[in-house]
Amino acid sequence: GTERLRITPSPYHDDGLVDALAEALLQVW
């Protein structure tokens, strides 16, 4: 009941990658 996606950003995940992640997650959701 607490299943999740565990995200671990690194120093090398730039703003472009973060924005792309958010957009992809919204589509999947």
Full PDB file with SEQRES, HELIX, SHEET, SSBOND, CRYST1, ORIGX, SCALE, CONECT and MASTER records, all heavy atoms in Angstrom:
SEQRES   1 A   29  GLY THR GLU ARG LEU ARG ILE THR PRO SER PRO TYR HIS          
SEQRES   2 A   29  ASP ASP GLY LEU VAL ASP ALA LEU ALA GLU ALA LEU LEU          
SEQRES   3 A   29  GLN VAL TRP                                                  
HELIX    1 AA1 ASP A   15  VAL A   28  1                                  14    
CRYST1    1.000    1.000    1.000  90.00  90.00  90.00 P 1           1          
ORIGX1      1.000000  0.000000  0.000000        0.00000                         
ORIGX2      0.000000  1.000000  0.000000        0.00000                         
ORIGX3      0.000000  0.000000  1.000000        0.00000                         
SCALE1      1.000000  0.000000  0.000000        0.00000                         
SCALE2      0.000000  1.000000  0.000000        0.00000                         
SCALE3      0.000000  0.000000  1.000000        0.00000                         
ATOM      1  N   GLY A   1       0.787  -1.217   0.000  1.00  0.00           N  
ATOM      2  CA  GLY A   1       0.000   0.000   0.000  1.00  0.00           C  
ATOM      3  C   GLY A   1       0.822   1.271   0.000  1.00  0.00           C  
ATOM      4  O   GLY A   1       0.282   2.371  -0.111  1.00  0.00           O  
ATOM      5  N   THR A   2       2.157   1.123   0.125  1.00  0.00           N  
ATOM      6  CA  THR A   2       3.039   2.296   0.087  1.00  0.00           C  
ATOM      7  C   THR A   2       4.022   2.215  -1.079  1.00  0.00           C  
ATOM      8  O   THR A   2       5.088   2.830  -1.053  1.00  0.00           O  
ATOM      9  CB  THR A   2       3.817   2.467   1.403  1.00  0.00           C  
ATOM     10  OG1 THR A   2       4.775   1.403   1.538  1.00  0.00           O  
ATOM     11  CG2 THR A   2       2.889   2.473   2.602  1.00  0.00           C  
ATOM     12  N   GLU A   3       3.676   1.436  -2.102  1.00  0.00           N  
ATOM     13  CA  GLU A   3       4.546   1.281  -3.268  1.00  0.00           C  
ATOM     14  C   GLU A   3       4.869   2.651  -3.855  1.00  0.00           C  
ATOM     15  O   GLU A   3       4.036   3.553  -3.858  1.00  0.00           O  
ATOM     16  CB  GLU A   3       3.882   0.396  -4.314  1.00  0.00           C  
ATOM     17  CG  GLU A   3       3.680  -1.053  -3.869  1.00  0.00           C  
ATOM     18  CD  GLU A   3       2.424  -1.274  -3.045  1.00  0.00           C  
ATOM     19  OE1 GLU A   3       1.644  -0.310  -2.864  1.00  0.00           O  
ATOM     20  OE2 GLU A   3       2.214  -2.413  -2.564  1.00  0.00           O  
ATOM     21  N   ARG A   4       6.096   2.763  -4.388  1.00  0.00           N  
ATOM     22  CA  ARG A   4       6.544   4.084  -4.833  1.00  0.00           C  
ATOM     23  C   ARG A   4       7.625   3.977  -5.897  1.00  0.00           C  
ATOM     24  O   ARG A   4       8.226   2.908  -6.101  1.00  0.00           O  
ATOM     25  CB  ARG A   4       7.119   4.855  -3.639  1.00  0.00           C  
ATOM     26  CG  ARG A   4       8.417   4.238  -3.120  1.00  0.00           C  
ATOM     27  CD  ARG A   4       8.734   4.652  -1.713  1.00  0.00           C  
ATOM     28  NE  ARG A   4       7.747   4.170  -0.760  1.00  0.00           N  
ATOM     29  CZ  ARG A   4       7.809   4.414   0.552  1.00  0.00           C  
ATOM     30  NH1 ARG A   4       8.789   5.131   1.034  1.00  0.00           N  
ATOM     31  NH2 ARG A   4       6.889   3.951   1.363  1.00  0.00           N  
ATOM     32  N   LEU A   5       7.881   5.102  -6.534  1.00  0.00           N  
ATOM     33  CA  LEU A   5       9.081   5.276  -7.336  1.00  0.00           C  
ATOM     34  C   LEU A   5      10.071   6.065  -6.477  1.00  0.00           C  
ATOM     35  O   LEU A   5       9.718   7.109  -5.935  1.00  0.00           O  
ATOM     36  CB  LEU A   5       8.778   6.026  -8.631  1.00  0.00           C  
ATOM     37  CG  LEU A   5       7.784   5.370  -9.590  1.00  0.00           C  
ATOM     38  CD1 LEU A   5       7.531   6.286 -10.785  1.00  0.00           C  
ATOM     39  CD2 LEU A   5       8.283   4.006 -10.063  1.00  0.00           C  
ATOM     40  N   ARG A   6      11.275   5.551  -6.343  1.00  0.00           N  
ATOM     41  CA  ARG A   6      12.283   6.200  -5.497  1.00  0.00           C  
ATOM     42  C   ARG A   6      13.291   6.897  -6.401  1.00  0.00           C  
ATOM     43  O   ARG A   6      14.069   6.258  -7.096  1.00  0.00           O  
ATOM     44  CB  ARG A   6      12.967   5.164  -4.602  1.00  0.00           C  
ATOM     45  CG  ARG A   6      14.095   5.699  -3.735  1.00  0.00           C  
ATOM     46  CD  ARG A   6      14.659   4.556  -2.903  1.00  0.00           C  
ATOM     47  NE  ARG A   6      15.842   4.937  -2.161  1.00  0.00           N  
ATOM     48  CZ  ARG A   6      17.087   4.849  -2.629  1.00  0.00           C  
ATOM     49  NH1 ARG A   6      17.297   4.409  -3.865  1.00  0.00           N  
ATOM     50  NH2 ARG A   6      18.112   5.193  -1.882  1.00  0.00           N  
ATOM     51  N   ILE A   7      13.264   8.230  -6.366  1.00  0.00           N  
ATOM     52  CA  ILE A   7      14.084   9.047  -7.256  1.00  0.00           C  
ATOM     53  C   ILE A   7      15.283   9.573  -6.486  1.00  0.00           C  
ATOM     54  O   ILE A   7      15.148  10.066  -5.357  1.00  0.00           O  
ATOM     55  CB  ILE A   7      13.241  10.210  -7.822  1.00  0.00           C  
ATOM     56  CG1 ILE A   7      12.060   9.651  -8.627  1.00  0.00           C  
ATOM     57  CG2 ILE A   7      14.083  11.137  -8.676  1.00  0.00           C  
ATOM     58  CD1 ILE A   7      10.999  10.681  -8.956  1.00  0.00           C  
ATOM     59  N   THR A   8      16.464   9.461  -7.078  1.00  0.00           N  
ATOM     60  CA  THR A   8      17.684   9.916  -6.409  1.00  0.00           C  
ATOM     61  C   THR A   8      18.480  10.829  -7.348  1.00  0.00           C  
ATOM     62  O   THR A   8      19.356  10.373  -8.085  1.00  0.00           O  
ATOM     63  CB  THR A   8      18.556   8.718  -5.969  1.00  0.00           C  
ATOM     64  OG1 THR A   8      18.830   7.887  -7.109  1.00  0.00           O  
ATOM     65  CG2 THR A   8      17.844   7.896  -4.905  1.00  0.00           C  
ATOM     66  N   PRO A   9      18.196  12.131  -7.312  1.00  0.00           N  
ATOM     67  CA  PRO A   9      18.947  13.067  -8.158  1.00  0.00           C  
ATOM     68  C   PRO A   9      20.422  13.102  -7.764  1.00  0.00           C  
ATOM     69  O   PRO A   9      20.762  12.976  -6.588  1.00  0.00           O  
ATOM     70  CB  PRO A   9      18.273  14.418  -7.863  1.00  0.00           C  
ATOM     71  CG  PRO A   9      16.979  14.084  -7.193  1.00  0.00           C  
ATOM     72  CD  PRO A   9      17.193  12.797  -6.484  1.00  0.00           C  
ATOM     73  N   SER A  10      21.275  13.291  -8.742  1.00  0.00           N  
ATOM     74  CA  SER A  10      22.715  13.413  -8.498  1.00  0.00           C  
ATOM     75  C   SER A  10      23.153  14.832  -8.831  1.00  0.00           C  
ATOM     76  O   SER A  10      22.365  15.625  -9.366  1.00  0.00           O  
ATOM     77  CB  SER A  10      23.479  12.421  -9.386  1.00  0.00           C  
ATOM     78  OG  SER A  10      23.566  12.920 -10.714  1.00  0.00           O  
ATOM     79  N   PRO A  11      24.409  15.184  -8.559  1.00  0.00           N  
ATOM     80  CA  PRO A  11      24.894  16.510  -8.963  1.00  0.00           C  
ATOM     81  C   PRO A  11      24.826  16.744 -10.467  1.00  0.00           C  
ATOM     82  O   PRO A  11      24.921  17.888 -10.918  1.00  0.00           O  
ATOM     83  CB  PRO A  11      26.349  16.509  -8.471  1.00  0.00           C  
ATOM     84  CG  PRO A  11      26.385  15.520  -7.361  1.00  0.00           C  
ATOM     85  CD  PRO A  11      25.415  14.457  -7.760  1.00  0.00           C  
ATOM     86  N   TYR A  12      24.661  15.677 -11.254  1.00  0.00           N  
ATOM     87  CA  TYR A  12      24.742  15.774 -12.703  1.00  0.00           C  
ATOM     88  C   TYR A  12      23.378  15.746 -13.386  1.00  0.00           C  
ATOM     89  O   TYR A  12      23.307  15.726 -14.622  1.00  0.00           O  
ATOM     90  CB  TYR A  12      25.646  14.665 -13.235  1.00  0.00           C  
ATOM     91  CG  TYR A  12      27.028  14.744 -12.633  1.00  0.00           C  
ATOM     92  CD1 TYR A  12      27.380  13.940 -11.550  1.00  0.00           C  
ATOM     93  CD2 TYR A  12      27.956  15.664 -13.097  1.00  0.00           C  
ATOM     94  CE1 TYR A  12      28.634  14.036 -10.961  1.00  0.00           C  
ATOM     95  CE2 TYR A  12      29.206  15.773 -12.516  1.00  0.00           C  
ATOM     96  CZ  TYR A  12      29.542  14.961 -11.453  1.00  0.00           C  
ATOM     97  OH  TYR A  12      30.786  15.074 -10.865  1.00  0.00           O  
ATOM     98  N   HIS A  13      22.302  15.763 -12.619  1.00  0.00           N  
ATOM     99  CA  HIS A  13      20.962  15.877 -13.202  1.00  0.00           C  
ATOM    100  C   HIS A  13      20.640  17.368 -13.334  1.00  0.00           C  
ATOM    101  O   HIS A  13      20.264  18.025 -12.356  1.00  0.00           O  
ATOM    102  CB  HIS A  13      19.923  15.189 -12.321  1.00  0.00           C  
ATOM    103  CG  HIS A  13      19.964  13.689 -12.382  1.00  0.00           C  
ATOM    104  ND1 HIS A  13      20.819  12.933 -11.602  1.00  0.00           N  
ATOM    105  CD2 HIS A  13      19.263  12.797 -13.138  1.00  0.00           C  
ATOM    106  CE1 HIS A  13      20.626  11.644 -11.864  1.00  0.00           C  
ATOM    107  NE2 HIS A  13      19.694  11.542 -12.803  1.00  0.00           N  
ATOM    108  N   ASP A  14      20.784  17.896 -14.540  1.00  0.00           N  
ATOM    109  CA  ASP A  14      20.607  19.338 -14.736  1.00  0.00           C  
ATOM    110  C   ASP A  14      19.124  19.694 -14.863  1.00  0.00           C  
ATOM    111  O   ASP A  14      18.242  18.826 -14.829  1.00  0.00           O  
ATOM    112  CB  ASP A  14      21.408  19.825 -15.950  1.00  0.00           C  
ATOM    113  CG  ASP A  14      20.989  19.144 -17.255  1.00  0.00           C  
ATOM    114  OD1 ASP A  14      19.822  18.718 -17.374  1.00  0.00           O  
ATOM    115  OD2 ASP A  14      21.845  19.060 -18.169  1.00  0.00           O  
ATOM    116  N   ASP A  15      18.861  21.001 -15.006  1.00  0.00           N  
ATOM    117  CA  ASP A  15      17.476  21.472 -15.052  1.00  0.00           C  
ATOM    118  C   ASP A  15      16.689  20.844 -16.204  1.00  0.00           C  
ATOM    119  O   ASP A  15      15.503  20.532 -16.067  1.00  0.00           O  
ATOM    120  CB  ASP A  15      17.435  22.999 -15.184  1.00  0.00           C  
ATOM    121  CG  ASP A  15      17.783  23.711 -13.890  1.00  0.00           C  
ATOM    122  OD1 ASP A  15      17.933  23.026 -12.856  1.00  0.00           O  
ATOM    123  OD2 ASP A  15      17.911  24.955 -13.905  1.00  0.00           O  
ATOM    124  N   GLY A  16      17.349  20.664 -17.346  1.00  0.00           N  
ATOM    125  CA  GLY A  16      16.676  20.058 -18.486  1.00  0.00           C  
ATOM    126  C   GLY A  16      16.217  18.649 -18.198  1.00  0.00           C  
ATOM    127  O   GLY A  16      15.094  18.249 -18.573  1.00  0.00           O  
ATOM    128  N   LEU A  17      17.045  17.877 -17.519  1.00  0.00           N  
ATOM    129  CA  LEU A  17      16.667  16.505 -17.166  1.00  0.00           C  
ATOM    130  C   LEU A  17      15.536  16.500 -16.141  1.00  0.00           C  
ATOM    131  O   LEU A  17      14.640  15.645 -16.198  1.00  0.00           O  
ATOM    132  CB  LEU A  17      17.879  15.748 -16.633  1.00  0.00           C  
ATOM    133  CG  LEU A  17      19.007  15.460 -17.635  1.00  0.00           C  
ATOM    134  CD1 LEU A  17      20.151  14.715 -16.961  1.00  0.00           C  
ATOM    135  CD2 LEU A  17      18.486  14.658 -18.828  1.00  0.00           C  
ATOM    136  N   VAL A  18      15.581  17.435 -15.186  1.00  0.00           N  
ATOM    137  CA  VAL A  18      14.517  17.525 -14.179  1.00  0.00           C  
ATOM    138  C   VAL A  18      13.184  17.852 -14.843  1.00  0.00           C  
ATOM    139  O   VAL A  18      12.148  17.238 -14.555  1.00  0.00           O  
ATOM    140  CB  VAL A  18      14.867  18.570 -13.102  1.00  0.00           C  
ATOM    141  CG1 VAL A  18      13.699  18.729 -12.117  1.00  0.00           C  
ATOM    142  CG2 VAL A  18      16.137  18.176 -12.349  1.00  0.00           C  
ATOM    143  N   ASP A  19      13.187  18.829 -15.751  1.00  0.00           N  
ATOM    144  CA  ASP A  19      11.951  19.208 -16.443  1.00  0.00           C  
ATOM    145  C   ASP A  19      11.412  18.059 -17.291  1.00  0.00           C  
ATOM    146  O   ASP A  19      10.194  17.824 -17.342  1.00  0.00           O  
ATOM    147  CB  ASP A  19      12.202  20.435 -17.330  1.00  0.00           C  
ATOM    148  CG  ASP A  19      12.497  21.696 -16.520  1.00  0.00           C  
ATOM    149  OD1 ASP A  19      12.170  21.719 -15.315  1.00  0.00           O  
ATOM    150  OD2 ASP A  19      13.071  22.647 -17.088  1.00  0.00           O  
ATOM    151  N   ALA A  20      12.306  17.339 -17.960  1.00  0.00           N  
ATOM    152  CA  ALA A  20      11.877  16.198 -18.776  1.00  0.00           C  
ATOM    153  C   ALA A  20      11.286  15.101 -17.907  1.00  0.00           C  
ATOM    154  O   ALA A  20      10.317  14.430 -18.303  1.00  0.00           O  
ATOM    155  CB  ALA A  20      13.063  15.664 -19.588  1.00  0.00           C  
ATOM    156  N   LEU A  21      11.854  14.899 -16.716  1.00  0.00           N  
ATOM    157  CA  LEU A  21      11.324  13.908 -15.786  1.00  0.00           C  
ATOM    158  C   LEU A  21       9.898  14.274 -15.384  1.00  0.00           C  
ATOM    159  O   LEU A  21       8.999  13.413 -15.401  1.00  0.00           O  
ATOM    160  CB  LEU A  21      12.215  13.820 -14.546  1.00  0.00           C  
ATOM    161  CG  LEU A  21      11.677  12.970 -13.392  1.00  0.00           C  
ATOM    162  CD1 LEU A  21      11.601  11.500 -13.784  1.00  0.00           C  
ATOM    163  CD2 LEU A  21      12.550  13.144 -12.142  1.00  0.00           C  
ATOM    164  N   ALA A  22       9.678  15.533 -15.026  1.00  0.00           N  
ATOM    165  CA  ALA A  22       8.346  15.968 -14.597  1.00  0.00           C  
ATOM    166  C   ALA A  22       7.317  15.762 -15.704  1.00  0.00           C  
ATOM    167  O   ALA A  22       6.204  15.260 -15.459  1.00  0.00           O  
ATOM    168  CB  ALA A  22       8.390  17.432 -14.171  1.00  0.00           C  
ATOM    169  N   GLU A  23       7.662  16.130 -16.919  1.00  0.00           N  
ATOM    170  CA  GLU A  23       6.740  15.981 -18.039  1.00  0.00           C  
ATOM    171  C   GLU A  23       6.421  14.509 -18.304  1.00  0.00           C  
ATOM    172  O   GLU A  23       5.263  14.135 -18.542  1.00  0.00           O  
ATOM    173  CB  GLU A  23       7.332  16.629 -19.293  1.00  0.00           C  
ATOM    174  CG  GLU A  23       6.454  16.520 -20.533  1.00  0.00           C  
ATOM    175  CD  GLU A  23       5.080  17.140 -20.352  1.00  0.00           C  
ATOM    176  OE1 GLU A  23       4.976  18.157 -19.627  1.00  0.00           O  
ATOM    177  OE2 GLU A  23       4.101  16.604 -20.923  1.00  0.00           O  
ATOM    178  N   ALA A  24       7.439  13.663 -18.255  1.00  0.00           N  
ATOM    179  CA  ALA A  24       7.221  12.239 -18.485  1.00  0.00           C  
ATOM    180  C   ALA A  24       6.332  11.635 -17.395  1.00  0.00           C  
ATOM    181  O   ALA A  24       5.423  10.837 -17.677  1.00  0.00           O  
ATOM    182  CB  ALA A  24       8.566  11.513 -18.540  1.00  0.00           C  
ATOM    183  N   LEU A  25       6.587  12.015 -16.154  1.00  0.00           N  
ATOM    184  CA  LEU A  25       5.784  11.497 -15.051  1.00  0.00           C  
ATOM    185  C   LEU A  25       4.321  11.921 -15.188  1.00  0.00           C  
ATOM    186  O   LEU A  25       3.411  11.127 -14.932  1.00  0.00           O  
ATOM    187  CB  LEU A  25       6.356  11.976 -13.714  1.00  0.00           C  
ATOM    188  CG  LEU A  25       7.637  11.281 -13.243  1.00  0.00           C  
ATOM    189  CD1 LEU A  25       8.264  12.035 -12.083  1.00  0.00           C  
ATOM    190  CD2 LEU A  25       7.349   9.827 -12.839  1.00  0.00           C  
ATOM    191  N   LEU A  26       4.087  13.149 -15.585  1.00  0.00           N  
ATOM    192  CA  LEU A  26       2.703  13.614 -15.765  1.00  0.00           C  
ATOM    193  C   LEU A  26       1.979  12.801 -16.843  1.00  0.00           C  
ATOM    194  O   LEU A  26       0.809  12.446 -16.684  1.00  0.00           O  
ATOM    195  CB  LEU A  26       2.692  15.097 -16.127  1.00  0.00           C  
ATOM    196  CG  LEU A  26       2.991  16.072 -14.980  1.00  0.00           C  
ATOM    197  CD1 LEU A  26       3.147  17.486 -15.511  1.00  0.00           C  
ATOM    198  CD2 LEU A  26       1.881  16.016 -13.923  1.00  0.00           C  
ATOM    199  N   GLN A  27       2.677  12.490 -17.917  1.00  0.00           N  
ATOM    200  CA  GLN A  27       2.066  11.681 -18.973  1.00  0.00           C  
ATOM    201  C   GLN A  27       1.754  10.274 -18.477  1.00  0.00           C  
ATOM    202  O   GLN A  27       0.687   9.716 -18.764  1.00  0.00           O  
ATOM    203  CB  GLN A  27       2.994  11.630 -20.186  1.00  0.00           C  
ATOM    204  CG  GLN A  27       3.135  12.961 -20.914  1.00  0.00           C  
ATOM    205  CD  GLN A  27       4.010  12.850 -22.153  1.00  0.00           C  
ATOM    206  OE1 GLN A  27       4.044  11.807 -22.817  1.00  0.00           O  
ATOM    207  NE2 GLN A  27       4.715  13.935 -22.495  1.00  0.00           N  
ATOM    208  N   VAL A  28       2.681   9.688 -17.739  1.00  0.00           N  
ATOM    209  CA  VAL A  28       2.476   8.339 -17.206  1.00  0.00           C  
ATOM    210  C   VAL A  28       1.339   8.335 -16.196  1.00  0.00           C  
ATOM    211  O   VAL A  28       0.484   7.431 -16.194  1.00  0.00           O  
ATOM    212  CB  VAL A  28       3.785   7.812 -16.573  1.00  0.00           C  
ATOM    213  CG1 VAL A  28       3.526   6.551 -15.751  1.00  0.00           C  
ATOM    214  CG2 VAL A  28       4.826   7.541 -17.652  1.00  0.00           C  
ATOM    215  N   TRP A  29       1.316   9.322 -15.317  1.00  0.00           N  
ATOM    216  CA  TRP A  29       0.249   9.414 -14.314  1.00  0.00           C  
ATOM    217  C   TRP A  29      -1.121   9.504 -14.999  1.00  0.00           C  
ATOM    218  O   TRP A  29      -2.083   8.870 -14.561  1.00  0.00           O  
ATOM    219  CB  TRP A  29       0.483  10.634 -13.422  1.00  0.00           C  
ATOM    220  CG  TRP A  29       0.829  10.291 -11.996  1.00  0.00           C  
ATOM    221  CD1 TRP A  29       0.124  10.630 -10.880  1.00  0.00           C  
ATOM    222  CD2 TRP A  29       1.967   9.552 -11.523  1.00  0.00           C  
ATOM    223  NE1 TRP A  29       0.750  10.144  -9.748  1.00  0.00           N  
ATOM    224  CE2 TRP A  29       1.877   9.476 -10.115  1.00  0.00           C  
ATOM    225  CE3 TRP A  29       3.052   8.942 -12.156  1.00  0.00           C  
ATOM    226  CZ2 TRP A  29       2.826   8.825  -9.336  1.00  0.00           C  
ATOM    227  CZ3 TRP A  29       4.003   8.283 -11.390  1.00  0.00           C  
ATOM    228  CH2 TRP A  29       3.891   8.230 -10.004  1.00  0.00           C  
TER     229      TRP A  29                                                      
MASTER        0    0    0    1    0    0    0    6  228    1    0    3          
END                                                                             
